[in-house]
Amino acid sequence: MKNIADEFELYAVKCIDSCYEYNETKACELILRQISLFGNITIAQVAVSAKSKNFLLTACFGRVMSEAWYDKLDEINRNAVEMPMLTI
C-alpha cells in the first residue's frame, strides 16, 4: 500500500507542476477548489492531512500559502486602521 500511495503522490505532484507551468492562476485555483463528492474538502487540505511533503513543497502550493498568508495580513491591517475611526 505504501508503494501505491507514493506513486499516487508522485503523480499528483507531476500533475500540479504541469498545470502550474501551463497556467499559474488556474493551478492555484485547482488546489483550493472544494470537492463536494468528498465533503467539500480541498486538495490543499488532503495534502496537508496526508503529510504529503512532496506536494507541499511544490511551487504552486507555496504560492497558494503565500497568497493566503498575505491576504490575511492585509485584512487584519485594514481592520486595525478602521477601528480608531469607528470609536471617534
C-alpha atoms as a PDB file:
ATOM      1  CA  MET A   1       0.000   0.000   0.000  1.00  0.00           C
ATOM      2  CA  LYS A   2       2.842   2.387   0.822  1.00  0.00           C
ATOM      3  CA  ASN A   3       4.266   1.979  -2.693  1.00  0.00           C
ATOM      4  CA  ILE A   4       0.887   2.736  -4.259  1.00  0.00           C
ATOM      5  CA  ALA A   5       0.486   5.830  -2.048  1.00  0.00           C
ATOM      6  CA  ASP A   6       3.976   7.032  -3.021  1.00  0.00           C
ATOM      7  CA  GLU A   7       3.163   6.535  -6.708  1.00  0.00           C
ATOM      8  CA  PHE A   8      -0.076   8.473  -6.359  1.00  0.00           C
ATOM      9  CA  GLU A   9       1.746  11.290  -4.549  1.00  0.00           C
ATOM     10  CA  LEU A  10       4.335  11.481  -7.323  1.00  0.00           C
ATOM     11  CA  TYR A  11       1.552  11.526  -9.928  1.00  0.00           C
ATOM     12  CA  ALA A  12      -0.232  14.356  -8.072  1.00  0.00           C
ATOM     13  CA  VAL A  13       2.990  16.369  -7.889  1.00  0.00           C
ATOM     14  CA  LYS A  14       3.646  15.922 -11.610  1.00  0.00           C
ATOM     15  CA  CYS A  15       0.057  16.922 -12.427  1.00  0.00           C
ATOM     16  CA  ILE A  16       0.094  20.102 -10.348  1.00  0.00           C
ATOM     17  CA  ASP A  17       3.557  21.034 -11.632  1.00  0.00           C
ATOM     18  CA  SER A  18       2.348  20.644 -15.229  1.00  0.00           C
ATOM     19  CA  CYS A  19      -0.776  22.689 -14.515  1.00  0.00           C
ATOM     20  CA  TYR A  20       1.327  25.363 -12.818  1.00  0.00           C
ATOM     21  CA  GLU A  21       3.657  25.606 -15.803  1.00  0.00           C
ATOM     22  CA  TYR A  22       0.688  25.985 -18.143  1.00  0.00           C
ATOM     23  CA  ASN A  23      -1.331  28.488 -16.062  1.00  0.00           C
ATOM     24  CA  GLU A  24      -0.222  29.508 -12.571  1.00  0.00           C
ATOM     25  CA  THR A  25      -3.503  31.139 -11.558  1.00  0.00           C
ATOM     26  CA  LYS A  26      -5.709  28.228 -12.618  1.00  0.00           C
ATOM     27  CA  ALA A  27      -3.398  25.726 -10.912  1.00  0.00           C
ATOM     28  CA  CYS A  28      -3.713  27.662  -7.644  1.00  0.00           C
ATOM     29  CA  GLU A  29      -7.493  27.718  -8.043  1.00  0.00           C
ATOM     30  CA  LEU A  30      -7.394  23.966  -8.603  1.00  0.00           C
ATOM     31  CA  ILE A  31      -5.627  23.389  -5.289  1.00  0.00           C
ATOM     32  CA  LEU A  32      -8.280  25.449  -3.478  1.00  0.00           C
ATOM     33  CA  ARG A  33     -11.347  24.099  -5.262  1.00  0.00           C
ATOM     34  CA  GLN A  34     -13.720  22.307  -2.915  1.00  0.00           C
ATOM     35  CA  ILE A  35     -14.744  18.796  -3.954  1.00  0.00           C
ATOM     36  CA  SER A  36     -18.351  18.237  -2.904  1.00  0.00           C
ATOM     37  CA  LEU A  37     -18.131  14.491  -3.514  1.00  0.00           C
ATOM     38  CA  PHE A  38     -15.645  14.254  -0.646  1.00  0.00           C
ATOM     39  CA  GLY A  39     -17.394  16.623   1.769  1.00  0.00           C
ATOM     40  CA  ASN A  40     -16.194  19.951   0.334  1.00  0.00           C
ATOM     41  CA  ILE A  41     -12.565  19.245   1.145  1.00  0.00           C
ATOM     42  CA  THR A  42      -9.847  20.892  -0.937  1.00  0.00           C
ATOM     43  CA  ILE A  43      -6.764  19.345  -2.484  1.00  0.00           C
ATOM     44  CA  ALA A  44      -4.691  21.518  -0.161  1.00  0.00           C
ATOM     45  CA  GLN A  45      -6.455  20.026   2.867  1.00  0.00           C
ATOM     46  CA  VAL A  46      -5.893  16.493   1.580  1.00  0.00           C
ATOM     47  CA  ALA A  47      -2.189  17.189   1.020  1.00  0.00           C
ATOM     48  CA  VAL A  48      -1.742  18.638   4.498  1.00  0.00           C
ATOM     49  CA  SER A  49      -3.637  15.877   6.293  1.00  0.00           C
ATOM     50  CA  ALA A  50      -1.783  13.206   4.287  1.00  0.00           C
ATOM     51  CA  LYS A  51       1.518  14.916   5.169  1.00  0.00           C
ATOM     52  CA  SER A  52       2.477  14.819   1.503  1.00  0.00           C
ATOM     53  CA  LYS A  53       5.845  16.550   1.748  1.00  0.00           C
ATOM     54  CA  ASN A  54       6.481  16.388  -1.994  1.00  0.00           C
ATOM     55  CA  PHE A  55       3.145  18.063  -2.783  1.00  0.00           C
ATOM     56  CA  LEU A  56       3.584  20.649  -0.030  1.00  0.00           C
ATOM     57  CA  LEU A  57       6.963  21.620  -1.494  1.00  0.00           C
ATOM     58  CA  THR A  58       5.620  22.375  -4.985  1.00  0.00           C
ATOM     59  CA  ALA A  59       5.855  25.937  -6.281  1.00  0.00           C
ATOM     60  CA  CYS A  60       2.084  26.029  -6.719  1.00  0.00           C
ATOM     61  CA  PHE A  61       1.327  25.065  -3.122  1.00  0.00           C
ATOM     62  CA  GLY A  62       3.921  27.580  -1.929  1.00  0.00           C
ATOM     63  CA  ARG A  63       2.251  30.340  -3.924  1.00  0.00           C
ATOM     64  CA  VAL A  64      -1.200  29.412  -2.598  1.00  0.00           C
ATOM     65  CA  MET A  65       0.015  29.506   1.001  1.00  0.00           C
ATOM     66  CA  SER A  66       1.929  32.738   0.436  1.00  0.00           C
ATOM     67  CA  GLU A  67      -1.098  34.470  -1.067  1.00  0.00           C
ATOM     68  CA  ALA A  68      -3.351  33.210   1.699  1.00  0.00           C
ATOM     69  CA  TRP A  69      -0.895  34.475   4.305  1.00  0.00           C
ATOM     70  CA  TYR A  70      -0.536  37.958   2.843  1.00  0.00           C
ATOM     71  CA  ASP A  71      -4.240  38.387   2.114  1.00  0.00           C
ATOM     72  CA  LYS A  72      -4.969  37.574   5.732  1.00  0.00           C
ATOM     73  CA  LEU A  73      -2.423  40.128   6.920  1.00  0.00           C
ATOM     74  CA  ASP A  74      -3.940  42.806   4.675  1.00  0.00           C
ATOM     75  CA  GLU A  75      -7.393  42.156   6.127  1.00  0.00           C
ATOM     76  CA  ILE A  76      -6.106  42.427   9.699  1.00  0.00           C
ATOM     77  CA  ASN A  77      -4.227  45.642   8.897  1.00  0.00           C
ATOM     78  CA  ARG A  78      -7.274  47.153   7.188  1.00  0.00           C
ATOM     79  CA  ASN A  79      -9.467  46.413  10.210  1.00  0.00           C
ATOM     80  CA  ALA A  80      -6.894  47.855  12.608  1.00  0.00           C
ATOM     81  CA  VAL A  81      -6.788  51.117  10.651  1.00  0.00           C
ATOM     82  CA  GLU A  82     -10.586  51.416  10.604  1.00  0.00           C
ATOM     83  CA  MET A  83     -11.007  50.699  14.305  1.00  0.00           C
ATOM     84  CA  PRO A  84      -9.970  54.178  15.592  1.00  0.00           C
ATOM     85  CA  MET A  85     -12.320  55.807  13.065  1.00  0.00           C
ATOM     86  CA  LEU A  86     -15.243  53.841  14.482  1.00  0.00           C
ATOM     87  CA  THR A  87     -14.560  54.951  18.041  1.00  0.00           C
ATOM     88  CA  ILE A  88     -14.230  58.627  17.099  1.00  0.00           C
END
